[in-house]
Amino acid sequence: MGHPDFRANGRIFASLLPDKHLGTVMITPEEQAELMKESPATFFPCSGAWGRAGSTHVRLNDAADEATVRAALTLAFERAVSKPAPRVRGGSRTTTRPRAQRGRSKKKT
């Protein structure tokens, strides 16, 4: 993707876009609404379903209050660690047996 992301418990909770003037935090829609109400110049929803689910862009400019941005990052971090770690998809198999011996019987003709 070409930009850094920040993870906790195997989940992305924040990212920094390549221009470094815009970040993203993964929070709840309710938290997003509260932050946008408090600091509309700093926070706005991501587009589409991501934004409706709580993904929120953070403008990292002079208008961004450090304490408010830190609070948003803390909310996103706490949300990530409160969920179970995601399942690993398609990772390596744990067995070292050859494929033919993994519970498959040879077909008799």
PDB file of N, CA and C in Angstrom:
ATOM      1  N   MET A   1       0.816  -1.192   0.000  1.00  0.00           N
ATOM      2  CA  MET A   1       0.000   0.000   0.000  1.00  0.00           C
ATOM      3  C   MET A   1       0.863   1.262   0.000  1.00  0.00           C
ATOM      4  N   GLY A   2       2.075   1.177   0.482  1.00  0.00           N
ATOM      5  CA  GLY A   2       2.971   2.309   0.396  1.00  0.00           C
ATOM      6  C   GLY A   2       2.836   3.341   1.507  1.00  0.00           C
ATOM      7  N   HIS A   3       2.143   3.011   2.580  1.00  0.00           N
ATOM      8  CA  HIS A   3       2.063   3.943   3.700  1.00  0.00           C
ATOM      9  C   HIS A   3       2.099   3.162   5.013  1.00  0.00           C
ATOM     10  N   PRO A   4       2.609   3.802   6.065  1.00  0.00           N
ATOM     11  CA  PRO A   4       2.706   3.080   7.332  1.00  0.00           C
ATOM     12  C   PRO A   4       1.346   2.886   7.982  1.00  0.00           C
ATOM     13  N   ASP A   5       1.212   1.755   8.651  1.00  0.00           N
ATOM     14  CA  ASP A   5       0.019   1.538   9.461  1.00  0.00           C
ATOM     15  C   ASP A   5       0.465   1.127  10.855  1.00  0.00           C
ATOM     16  N   PHE A   6      -0.436   1.276  11.789  1.00  0.00           N
ATOM     17  CA  PHE A   6      -0.151   1.003  13.183  1.00  0.00           C
ATOM     18  C   PHE A   6      -1.094  -0.092  13.638  1.00  0.00           C
ATOM     19  N   ARG A   7      -0.533  -1.142  14.237  1.00  0.00           N
ATOM     20  CA  ARG A   7      -1.305  -2.329  14.579  1.00  0.00           C
ATOM     21  C   ARG A   7      -1.208  -2.655  16.059  1.00  0.00           C
ATOM     22  N   ALA A   8      -2.294  -3.254  16.539  1.00  0.00           N
ATOM     23  CA  ALA A   8      -2.332  -3.799  17.896  1.00  0.00           C
ATOM     24  C   ALA A   8      -3.172  -5.052  17.832  1.00  0.00           C
ATOM     25  N   ASN A   9      -2.698  -6.111  18.436  1.00  0.00           N
ATOM     26  CA  ASN A   9      -3.426  -7.370  18.457  1.00  0.00           C
ATOM     27  C   ASN A   9      -3.707  -7.876  17.036  1.00  0.00           C
ATOM     28  N   GLY A  10      -2.796  -7.607  16.117  1.00  0.00           N
ATOM     29  CA  GLY A  10      -2.950  -8.063  14.742  1.00  0.00           C
ATOM     30  C   GLY A  10      -3.925  -7.253  13.909  1.00  0.00           C
ATOM     31  N   ARG A  11      -4.396  -6.122  14.426  1.00  0.00           N
ATOM     32  CA  ARG A  11      -5.371  -5.294  13.715  1.00  0.00           C
ATOM     33  C   ARG A  11      -4.819  -3.884  13.488  1.00  0.00           C
ATOM     34  N   ILE A  12      -5.107  -3.338  12.324  1.00  0.00           N
ATOM     35  CA  ILE A  12      -4.728  -1.957  12.037  1.00  0.00           C
ATOM     36  C   ILE A  12      -5.686  -1.041  12.793  1.00  0.00           C
ATOM     37  N   PHE A  13      -5.142  -0.103  13.555  1.00  0.00           N
ATOM     38  CA  PHE A  13      -6.000   0.857  14.246  1.00  0.00           C
ATOM     39  C   PHE A  13      -5.780   2.279  13.745  1.00  0.00           C
ATOM     40  N   ALA A  14      -4.689   2.516  13.017  1.00  0.00           N
ATOM     41  CA  ALA A  14      -4.431   3.836  12.457  1.00  0.00           C
ATOM     42  C   ALA A  14      -3.464   3.694  11.291  1.00  0.00           C
ATOM     43  N   SER A  15      -3.482   4.682  10.410  1.00  0.00           N
ATOM     44  CA  SER A  15      -2.530   4.700   9.305  1.00  0.00           C
ATOM     45  C   SER A  15      -2.193   6.146   8.973  1.00  0.00           C
ATOM     46  N   LEU A  16      -1.093   6.296   8.278  1.00  0.00           N
ATOM     47  CA  LEU A  16      -0.629   7.611   7.855  1.00  0.00           C
ATOM     48  C   LEU A  16      -0.505   7.569   6.349  1.00  0.00           C
ATOM     49  N   LEU A  17      -1.190   8.467   5.674  1.00  0.00           N
ATOM     50  CA  LEU A  17      -1.154   8.477   4.214  1.00  0.00           C
ATOM     51  C   LEU A  17       0.185   9.019   3.720  1.00  0.00           C
ATOM     52  N   PRO A  18       0.573   8.692   2.483  1.00  0.00           N
ATOM     53  CA  PRO A  18       1.909   9.040   1.996  1.00  0.00           C
ATOM     54  C   PRO A  18       2.275  10.519   2.090  1.00  0.00           C
ATOM     55  N   ASP A  19       1.298  11.419   1.949  1.00  0.00           N
ATOM     56  CA  ASP A  19       1.643  12.841   2.013  1.00  0.00           C
ATOM     57  C   ASP A  19       1.905  13.332   3.443  1.00  0.00           C
ATOM     58  N   LYS A  20       1.614  12.481   4.422  1.00  0.00           N
ATOM     59  CA  LYS A  20       1.848  12.743   5.844  1.00  0.00           C
ATOM     60  C   LYS A  20       1.066  13.939   6.380  1.00  0.00           C
ATOM     61  N   HIS A  21       0.066  14.394   5.635  1.00  0.00           N
ATOM     62  CA  HIS A  21      -0.811  15.467   6.094  1.00  0.00           C
ATOM     63  C   HIS A  21      -2.188  14.928   6.441  1.00  0.00           C
ATOM     64  N   LEU A  22      -2.369  13.624   6.239  1.00  0.00           N
ATOM     65  CA  LEU A  22      -3.662  13.000   6.483  1.00  0.00           C
ATOM     66  C   LEU A  22      -3.441  11.617   7.070  1.00  0.00           C
ATOM     67  N   GLY A  23      -4.142  11.322   8.138  1.00  0.00           N
ATOM     68  CA  GLY A  23      -4.075  10.006   8.753  1.00  0.00           C
ATOM     69  C   GLY A  23      -5.470   9.422   8.836  1.00  0.00           C
ATOM     70  N   THR A  24      -5.561   8.202   9.312  1.00  0.00           N
ATOM     71  CA  THR A  24      -6.845   7.533   9.480  1.00  0.00           C
ATOM     72  C   THR A  24      -6.838   6.788  10.803  1.00  0.00           C
ATOM     73  N   VAL A  25      -7.958   6.855  11.520  1.00  0.00           N
ATOM     74  CA  VAL A  25      -8.138   6.070  12.734  1.00  0.00           C
ATOM     75  C   VAL A  25      -9.388   5.223  12.569  1.00  0.00           C
ATOM     76  N   MET A  26      -9.351   4.008  13.109  1.00  0.00           N
ATOM     77  CA  MET A  26     -10.485   3.102  13.047  1.00  0.00           C
ATOM     78  C   MET A  26     -11.194   3.153  14.397  1.00  0.00           C
ATOM     79  N   ILE A  27     -12.312   3.865  14.448  1.00  0.00           N
ATOM     80  CA  ILE A  27     -13.080   4.028  15.678  1.00  0.00           C
ATOM     81  C   ILE A  27     -14.537   3.658  15.402  1.00  0.00           C
ATOM     82  N   THR A  28     -15.391   3.768  16.406  1.00  0.00           N
ATOM     83  CA  THR A  28     -16.804   3.455  16.201  1.00  0.00           C
ATOM     84  C   THR A  28     -17.508   4.644  15.552  1.00  0.00           C
ATOM     85  N   PRO A  29     -18.639   4.418  14.896  1.00  0.00           N
ATOM     86  CA  PRO A  29     -19.390   5.538  14.312  1.00  0.00           C
ATOM     87  C   PRO A  29     -19.793   6.587  15.362  1.00  0.00           C
ATOM     88  N   GLU A  30     -20.097   6.149  16.575  1.00  0.00           N
ATOM     89  CA  GLU A  30     -20.470   7.090  17.636  1.00  0.00           C
ATOM     90  C   GLU A  30     -19.275   7.965  18.032  1.00  0.00           C
ATOM     91  N   GLU A  31     -18.096   7.349  18.161  1.00  0.00           N
ATOM     92  CA  GLU A  31     -16.892   8.108  18.481  1.00  0.00           C
ATOM     93  C   GLU A  31     -16.558   9.063  17.341  1.00  0.00           C
ATOM     94  N   GLN A  32     -16.742   8.601  16.117  1.00  0.00           N
ATOM     95  CA  GLN A  32     -16.498   9.439  14.947  1.00  0.00           C
ATOM     96  C   GLN A  32     -17.390  10.679  14.987  1.00  0.00           C
ATOM     97  N   ALA A  33     -18.684  10.495  15.257  1.00  0.00           N
ATOM     98  CA  ALA A  33     -19.624  11.615  15.304  1.00  0.00           C
ATOM     99  C   ALA A  33     -19.213  12.626  16.376  1.00  0.00           C
ATOM    100  N   GLU A  34     -18.794  12.132  17.528  1.00  0.00           N
ATOM    101  CA  GLU A  34     -18.383  13.018  18.620  1.00  0.00           C
ATOM    102  C   GLU A  34     -17.137  13.822  18.238  1.00  0.00           C
ATOM    103  N   LEU A  35     -16.146  13.155  17.650  1.00  0.00           N
ATOM    104  CA  LEU A  35     -14.926  13.861  17.240  1.00  0.00           C
ATOM    105  C   LEU A  35     -15.208  14.886  16.150  1.00  0.00           C
ATOM    106  N   MET A  36     -16.068  14.536  15.204  1.00  0.00           N
ATOM    107  CA  MET A  36     -16.401  15.474  14.132  1.00  0.00           C
ATOM    108  C   MET A  36     -17.160  16.678  14.686  1.00  0.00           C
ATOM    109  N   LYS A  37     -17.975  16.471  15.715  1.00  0.00           N
ATOM    110  CA  LYS A  37     -18.709  17.560  16.347  1.00  0.00           C
ATOM    111  C   LYS A  37     -17.745  18.491  17.087  1.00  0.00           C
ATOM    112  N   GLU A  38     -16.770  17.893  17.811  1.00  0.00           N
ATOM    113  CA  GLU A  38     -15.799  18.670  18.587  1.00  0.00           C
ATOM    114  C   GLU A  38     -14.782  19.386  17.700  1.00  0.00           C
ATOM    115  N   SER A  39     -14.308  18.722  16.644  1.00  0.00           N
ATOM    116  CA  SER A  39     -13.234  19.269  15.800  1.00  0.00           C
ATOM    117  C   SER A  39     -13.523  19.013  14.318  1.00  0.00           C
ATOM    118  N   PRO A  40     -14.503  19.726  13.748  1.00  0.00           N
ATOM    119  CA  PRO A  40     -14.850  19.475  12.343  1.00  0.00           C
ATOM    120  C   PRO A  40     -13.733  19.820  11.350  1.00  0.00           C
ATOM    121  N   ALA A  41     -12.816  20.687  11.741  1.00  0.00           N
ATOM    122  CA  ALA A  41     -11.707  21.031  10.849  1.00  0.00           C
ATOM    123  C   ALA A  41     -10.639  19.947  10.816  1.00  0.00           C
ATOM    124  N   THR A  42     -10.679  19.027  11.784  1.00  0.00           N
ATOM    125  CA  THR A  42      -9.654  17.990  11.890  1.00  0.00           C
ATOM    126  C   THR A  42     -10.146  16.620  11.450  1.00  0.00           C
ATOM    127  N   PHE A  43     -11.374  16.260  11.798  1.00  0.00           N
ATOM    128  CA  PHE A  43     -11.883  14.911  11.556  1.00  0.00           C
ATOM    129  C   PHE A  43     -12.994  14.908  10.515  1.00  0.00           C
ATOM    130  N   PHE A  44     -12.954  13.911   9.609  1.00  0.00           N
ATOM    131  CA  PHE A  44     -14.047  13.693   8.665  1.00  0.00           C
ATOM    132  C   PHE A  44     -14.053  12.219   8.278  1.00  0.00           C
ATOM    133  N   PRO A  45     -15.244  11.675   7.935  1.00  0.00           N
ATOM    134  CA  PRO A  45     -15.337  10.235   7.673  1.00  0.00           C
ATOM    135  C   PRO A  45     -14.637   9.841   6.380  1.00  0.00           C
ATOM    136  N   CYS A  46     -14.110   8.631   6.359  1.00  0.00           N
ATOM    137  CA  CYS A  46     -13.584   8.066   5.117  1.00  0.00           C
ATOM    138  C   CYS A  46     -14.768   7.843   4.183  1.00  0.00           C
ATOM    139  N   SER A  47     -14.513   7.682   2.922  1.00  0.00           N
ATOM    140  CA  SER A  47     -15.605   7.540   1.964  1.00  0.00           C
ATOM    141  C   SER A  47     -16.258   6.163   2.044  1.00  0.00           C
ATOM    142  N   GLY A  48     -17.500   6.109   1.664  1.00  0.00           N
ATOM    143  CA  GLY A  48     -18.239   4.865   1.530  1.00  0.00           C
ATOM    144  C   GLY A  48     -18.471   4.118   2.827  1.00  0.00           C
ATOM    145  N   ALA A  49     -18.508   2.791   2.699  1.00  0.00           N
ATOM    146  CA  ALA A  49     -18.816   1.921   3.835  1.00  0.00           C
ATOM    147  C   ALA A  49     -17.769   2.027   4.936  1.00  0.00           C
ATOM    148  N   TRP A  50     -16.519   2.282   4.579  1.00  0.00           N
ATOM    149  CA  TRP A  50     -15.478   2.422   5.595  1.00  0.00           C
ATOM    150  C   TRP A  50     -15.836   3.565   6.541  1.00  0.00           C
ATOM    151  N   GLY A  51     -16.235   4.684   5.996  1.00  0.00           N
ATOM    152  CA  GLY A  51     -16.602   5.836   6.816  1.00  0.00           C
ATOM    153  C   GLY A  51     -17.840   5.578   7.647  1.00  0.00           C
ATOM    154  N   ARG A  52     -18.837   4.911   7.056  1.00  0.00           N
ATOM    155  CA  ARG A  52     -20.054   4.594   7.816  1.00  0.00           C
ATOM    156  C   ARG A  52     -19.765   3.632   8.962  1.00  0.00           C
ATOM    157  N   ALA A  53     -18.708   2.825   8.829  1.00  0.00           N
ATOM    158  CA  ALA A  53     -18.325   1.876   9.879  1.00  0.00           C
ATOM    159  C   ALA A  53     -17.447   2.526  10.953  1.00  0.00           C
ATOM    160  N   GLY A  54     -17.051   3.786  10.757  1.00  0.00           N
ATOM    161  CA  GLY A  54     -16.271   4.493  11.761  1.00  0.00           C
ATOM    162  C   GLY A  54     -14.870   4.900  11.353  1.00  0.00           C
ATOM    163  N   SER A  55     -14.391   4.444  10.205  1.00  0.00           N
ATOM    164  CA  SER A  55     -13.048   4.858   9.770  1.00  0.00           C
ATOM    165  C   SER A  55     -13.074   6.364   9.520  1.00  0.00           C
ATOM    166  N   THR A  56     -12.126   7.053  10.136  1.00  0.00           N
ATOM    167  CA  THR A  56     -12.151   8.511  10.161  1.00  0.00           C
ATOM    168  C   THR A  56     -10.809   9.078   9.732  1.00  0.00           C
ATOM    169  N   HIS A  57     -10.847  10.021   8.784  1.00  0.00           N
ATOM    170  CA  HIS A  57      -9.634  10.730   8.384  1.00  0.00           C
ATOM    171  C   HIS A  57      -9.324  11.809   9.414  1.00  0.00           C
ATOM    172  N   VAL A  58      -8.028  12.054   9.593  1.00  0.00           N
ATOM    173  CA  VAL A  58      -7.546  13.085  10.514  1.00  0.00           C
ATOM    174  C   VAL A  58      -6.640  14.018   9.726  1.00  0.00           C
ATOM    175  N   ARG A  59      -7.030  15.285   9.641  1.00  0.00           N
ATOM    176  CA  ARG A  59      -6.167  16.276   8.994  1.00  0.00           C
ATOM    177  C   ARG A  59      -5.062  16.653   9.967  1.00  0.00           C
ATOM    178  N   LEU A  60      -3.830  16.417   9.571  1.00  0.00           N
ATOM    179  CA  LEU A  60      -2.684  16.697  10.429  1.00  0.00           C
ATOM    180  C   LEU A  60      -2.075  18.040  10.026  1.00  0.00           C
ATOM    181  N   ASN A  61      -2.795  19.103  10.356  1.00  0.00           N
ATOM    182  CA  ASN A  61      -2.347  20.450  10.020  1.00  0.00           C
ATOM    183  C   ASN A  61      -2.327  21.305  11.285  1.00  0.00           C
ATOM    184  N   ASP A  62      -2.177  22.604  11.115  1.00  0.00           N
ATOM    185  CA  ASP A  62      -2.102  23.501  12.269  1.00  0.00           C
ATOM    186  C   ASP A  62      -3.384  23.508  13.093  1.00  0.00           C
ATOM    187  N   ALA A  63      -4.524  23.192  12.479  1.00  0.00           N
ATOM    188  CA  ALA A  63      -5.799  23.193  13.198  1.00  0.00           C
ATOM    189  C   ALA A  63      -5.941  21.975  14.107  1.00  0.00           C
ATOM    190  N   ALA A  64      -5.146  20.933  13.868  1.00  0.00           N
ATOM    191  CA  ALA A  64      -5.251  19.700  14.660  1.00  0.00           C
ATOM    192  C   ALA A  64      -4.667  19.913  16.048  1.00  0.00           C
ATOM    193  N   ASP A  65      -5.503  19.727  17.060  1.00  0.00           N
ATOM    194  CA  ASP A  65      -5.079  19.835  18.445  1.00  0.00           C
ATOM    195  C   ASP A  65      -4.420  18.518  18.849  1.00  0.00           C
ATOM    196  N   GLU A  66      -3.200  18.586  19.374  1.00  0.00           N
ATOM    197  CA  GLU A  66      -2.450  17.377  19.712  1.00  0.00           C
ATOM    198  C   GLU A  66      -3.199  16.483  20.689  1.00  0.00           C
ATOM    199  N   ALA A  67      -3.819  17.059  21.687  1.00  0.00           N
ATOM    200  CA  ALA A  67      -4.533  16.263  22.691  1.00  0.00           C
ATOM    201  C   ALA A  67      -5.729  15.541  22.068  1.00  0.00           C
ATOM    202  N   THR A  68      -6.431  16.197  21.152  1.00  0.00           N
ATOM    203  CA  THR A  68      -7.595  15.584  20.510  1.00  0.00           C
ATOM    204  C   THR A  68      -7.167  14.456  19.578  1.00  0.00           C
ATOM    205  N   VAL A  69      -6.103  14.657  18.818  1.00  0.00           N
ATOM    206  CA  VAL A  69      -5.592  13.606  17.932  1.00  0.00           C
ATOM    207  C   VAL A  69      -5.092  12.429  18.766  1.00  0.00           C
ATOM    208  N   ARG A  70      -4.410  12.709  19.863  1.00  0.00           N
ATOM    209  CA  ARG A  70      -3.944  11.644  20.755  1.00  0.00           C
ATOM    210  C   ARG A  70      -5.133  10.860  21.316  1.00  0.00           C
ATOM    211  N   ALA A  71      -6.203  11.547  21.677  1.00  0.00           N
ATOM    212  CA  ALA A  71      -7.396  10.877  22.204  1.00  0.00           C
ATOM    213  C   ALA A  71      -8.008   9.964  21.145  1.00  0.00           C
ATOM    214  N   ALA A  72      -8.041  10.417  19.885  1.00  0.00           N
ATOM    215  CA  ALA A  72      -8.577   9.594  18.800  1.00  0.00           C
ATOM    216  C   ALA A  72      -7.724   8.343  18.593  1.00  0.00           C
ATOM    217  N   LEU A  73      -6.414   8.500  18.635  1.00  0.00           N
ATOM    218  CA  LEU A  73      -5.514   7.348  18.510  1.00  0.00           C
ATOM    219  C   LEU A  73      -5.694   6.374  19.670  1.00  0.00           C
ATOM    220  N   THR A  74      -5.895   6.903  20.860  1.00  0.00           N
ATOM    221  CA  THR A  74      -6.111   6.047  22.027  1.00  0.00           C
ATOM    222  C   THR A  74      -7.410   5.265  21.890  1.00  0.00           C
ATOM    223  N   LEU A  75      -8.480   5.918  21.421  1.00  0.00           N
ATOM    224  CA  LEU A  75      -9.751   5.224  21.194  1.00  0.00           C
ATOM    225  C   LEU A  75      -9.569   4.088  20.194  1.00  0.00           C
ATOM    226  N   ALA A  76      -8.869   4.378  19.095  1.00  0.00           N
ATOM    227  CA  ALA A  76      -8.657   3.368  18.059  1.00  0.00           C
ATOM    228  C   ALA A  76      -7.817   2.201  18.592  1.00  0.00           C
ATOM    229  N   PHE A  77      -6.767   2.516  19.348  1.00  0.00           N
ATOM    230  CA  PHE A  77      -5.916   1.478  19.933  1.00  0.00           C
ATOM    231  C   PHE A  77      -6.718   0.598  20.890  1.00  0.00           C
ATOM    232  N   GLU A  78      -7.475   1.225  21.784  1.00  0.00           N
ATOM    233  CA  GLU A  78      -8.262   0.453  22.755  1.00  0.00           C
ATOM    234  C   GLU A  78      -9.296  -0.433  22.064  1.00  0.00           C
ATOM    235  N   ARG A  79      -9.866   0.045  20.989  1.00  0.00           N
ATOM    236  CA  ARG A  79     -10.829  -0.755  20.231  1.00  0.00           C
ATOM    237  C   ARG A  79     -10.139  -1.970  19.617  1.00  0.00           C
ATOM    238  N   ALA A  80      -8.929  -1.764  19.086  1.00  0.00           N
ATOM    239  CA  ALA A  80      -8.197  -2.868  18.448  1.00  0.00           C
ATOM    240  C   ALA A  80      -7.812  -3.946  19.460  1.00  0.00           C
ATOM    241  N   VAL A  81      -7.359  -3.542  20.638  1.00  0.00           N
ATOM    242  CA  VAL A  81      -6.926  -4.545  21.615  1.00  0.00           C
ATOM    243  C   VAL A  81      -8.094  -5.216  22.328  1.00  0.00           C
ATOM    244  N   SER A  82      -9.285  -4.634  22.243  1.00  0.00           N
ATOM    245  CA  SER A  82     -10.437  -5.247  22.902  1.00  0.00           C
ATOM    246  C   SER A  82     -11.035  -6.383  22.082  1.00  0.00           C
ATOM    247  N   LYS A  83     -10.670  -6.466  20.801  1.00  0.00           N
ATOM    248  CA  LYS A  83     -11.180  -7.526  19.935  1.00  0.00           C
ATOM    249  C   LYS A  83     -10.190  -8.691  19.898  1.00  0.00           C
ATOM    250  N   PRO A  84     -10.690  -9.895  19.649  1.00  0.00           N
ATOM    251  CA  PRO A  84      -9.756 -11.015  19.506  1.00  0.00           C
ATOM    252  C   PRO A  84      -8.897 -10.840  18.256  1.00  0.00           C
ATOM    253  N   ALA A  85      -7.723 -11.417  18.286  1.00  0.00           N
ATOM    254  CA  ALA A  85      -6.838 -11.337  17.127  1.00  0.00           C
ATOM    255  C   ALA A  85      -7.512 -11.990  15.926  1.00  0.00           C
ATOM    256  N   PRO A  86      -7.342 -11.416  14.727  1.00  0.00           N
ATOM    257  CA  PRO A  86      -7.973 -12.002  13.545  1.00  0.00           C
ATOM    258  C   PRO A  86      -7.334 -13.326  13.169  1.00  0.00           C
ATOM    259  N   ARG A  87      -8.124 -14.164  12.506  1.00  0.00           N
ATOM    260  CA  ARG A  87      -7.589 -15.433  12.015  1.00  0.00           C
ATOM    261  C   ARG A  87      -6.644 -15.165  10.864  1.00  0.00           C
ATOM    262  N   VAL A  88      -5.595 -15.941  10.778  1.00  0.00           N
ATOM    263  CA  VAL A  88      -4.646 -15.817   9.675  1.00  0.00           C
ATOM    264  C   VAL A  88      -5.210 -16.573   8.484  1.00  0.00           C
ATOM    265  N   ARG A  89      -5.271 -15.900   7.346  1.00  0.00           N
ATOM    266  CA  ARG A  89      -5.802 -16.531   6.146  1.00  0.00           C
ATOM    267  C   ARG A  89      -4.678 -17.083   5.287  1.00  0.00           C
ATOM    268  N   GLY A  90      -4.836 -18.317   4.840  1.00  0.00           N
ATOM    269  CA  GLY A  90      -3.935 -18.908   3.865  1.00  0.00           C
ATOM    270  C   GLY A  90      -2.496 -19.051   4.293  1.00  0.00           C
ATOM    271  N   GLY A  91      -2.220 -18.997   5.562  1.00  0.00           N
ATOM    272  CA  GLY A  91      -0.843 -19.125   6.034  1.00  0.00           C
ATOM    273  C   GLY A  91      -0.271 -20.495   5.726  1.00  0.00           C
ATOM    274  N   SER A  92       0.919 -20.738   6.175  1.00  0.00           N
ATOM    275  CA  SER A  92       1.557 -22.019   5.908  1.00  0.00           C
ATOM    276  C   SER A  92       0.878 -23.123   6.717  1.00  0.00           C
ATOM    277  N   ARG A  93       0.951 -24.299   6.220  1.00  0.00           N
ATOM    278  CA  ARG A  93       0.349 -25.437   6.907  1.00  0.00           C
ATOM    279  C   ARG A  93       1.242 -25.871   8.053  1.00  0.00           C
ATOM    280  N   THR A  94       0.619 -26.400   9.086  1.00  0.00           N
ATOM    281  CA  THR A  94       1.396 -26.783  10.261  1.00  0.00           C
ATOM    282  C   THR A  94       1.976 -28.178  10.151  1.00  0.00           C
ATOM    283  N   THR A  95       1.518 -28.963   9.223  1.00  0.00           N
ATOM    284  CA  THR A  95       2.012 -30.327   9.090  1.00  0.00           C
ATOM    285  C   THR A  95       3.144 -30.381   8.075  1.00  0.00           C
ATOM    286  N   THR A  96       4.015 -31.344   8.245  1.00  0.00           N
ATOM    287  CA  THR A  96       5.122 -31.504   7.310  1.00  0.00           C
ATOM    288  C   THR A  96       4.963 -32.765   6.477  1.00  0.00           C
ATOM    289  N   ARG A  97       3.842 -33.474   6.671  1.00  0.00           N
ATOM    290  CA  ARG A  97       3.621 -34.691   5.894  1.00  0.00           C
ATOM    291  C   ARG A  97       3.373 -34.352   4.429  1.00  0.00           C
ATOM    292  N   PRO A  98       3.759 -35.238   3.529  1.00  0.00           N
ATOM    293  CA  PRO A  98       3.463 -34.997   2.119  1.00  0.00           C
ATOM    294  C   PRO A  98       1.960 -34.904   1.893  1.00  0.00           C
ATOM    295  N   ARG A  99       1.562 -34.156   0.908  1.00  0.00           N
ATOM    296  CA  ARG A  99       0.157 -33.905   0.625  1.00  0.00           C
ATOM    297  C   ARG A  99      -0.654 -35.187   0.489  1.00  0.00           C
ATOM    298  N   ALA A 100      -0.114 -36.221  -0.141  1.00  0.00           N
ATOM    299  CA  ALA A 100      -0.861 -37.465  -0.365  1.00  0.00           C
ATOM    300  C   ALA A 100      -1.227 -38.164   0.945  1.00  0.00           C
ATOM    301  N   GLN A 101      -0.506 -37.887   2.021  1.00  0.00           N
ATOM    302  CA  GLN A 101      -0.760 -38.574   3.284  1.00  0.00           C
ATOM    303  C   GLN A 101      -1.674 -37.786   4.225  1.00  0.00           C
ATOM    304  N   ARG A 102      -2.207 -36.660   3.808  1.00  0.00           N
ATOM    305  CA  ARG A 102      -3.033 -35.824   4.676  1.00  0.00           C
ATOM    306  C   ARG A 102      -4.496 -36.257   4.663  1.00  0.00           C
ATOM    307  N   GLY A 103      -4.739 -37.452   5.116  1.00  0.00           N
ATOM    308  CA  GLY A 103      -6.119 -37.904   5.272  1.00  0.00           C
ATOM    309  C   GLY A 103      -6.802 -38.321   3.989  1.00  0.00           C
ATOM    310  N   ARG A 104      -6.109 -38.355   2.909  1.00  0.00           N
ATOM    311  CA  ARG A 104      -6.711 -38.746   1.650  1.00  0.00           C
ATOM    312  C   ARG A 104      -6.392 -40.203   1.365  1.00  0.00           C
ATOM    313  N   SER A 105      -7.385 -40.940   1.015  1.00  0.00           N
ATOM    314  CA  SER A 105      -7.124 -42.355   0.689  1.00  0.00           C
ATOM    315  C   SER A 105      -6.972 -42.485  -0.817  1.00  0.00           C
ATOM    316  N   LYS A 106      -6.136 -43.416  -1.199  1.00  0.00           N
ATOM    317  CA  LYS A 106      -5.954 -43.643  -2.625  1.00  0.00           C
ATOM    318  C   LYS A 106      -7.152 -44.398  -3.170  1.00  0.00           C
ATOM    319  N   LYS A 107      -7.588 -43.982  -4.305  1.00  0.00           N
ATOM    320  CA  LYS A 107      -8.766 -44.590  -4.937  1.00  0.00           C
ATOM    321  C   LYS A 107      -8.375 -45.922  -5.553  1.00  0.00           C
ATOM    322  N   LYS A 108      -9.119 -46.971  -5.182  1.00  0.00           N
ATOM    323  CA  LYS A 108      -8.837 -48.285  -5.753  1.00  0.00           C
ATOM    324  C   LYS A 108      -9.672 -48.464  -7.004  1.00  0.00           C
ATOM    325  N   THR A 109      -9.059 -49.045  -8.005  1.00  0.00           N
ATOM    326  CA  THR A 109      -9.798 -49.290  -9.251  1.00  0.00           C
ATOM    327  C   THR A 109      -9.974 -50.741  -9.521  1.00  0.00           C
TER     328      THR A 109
END
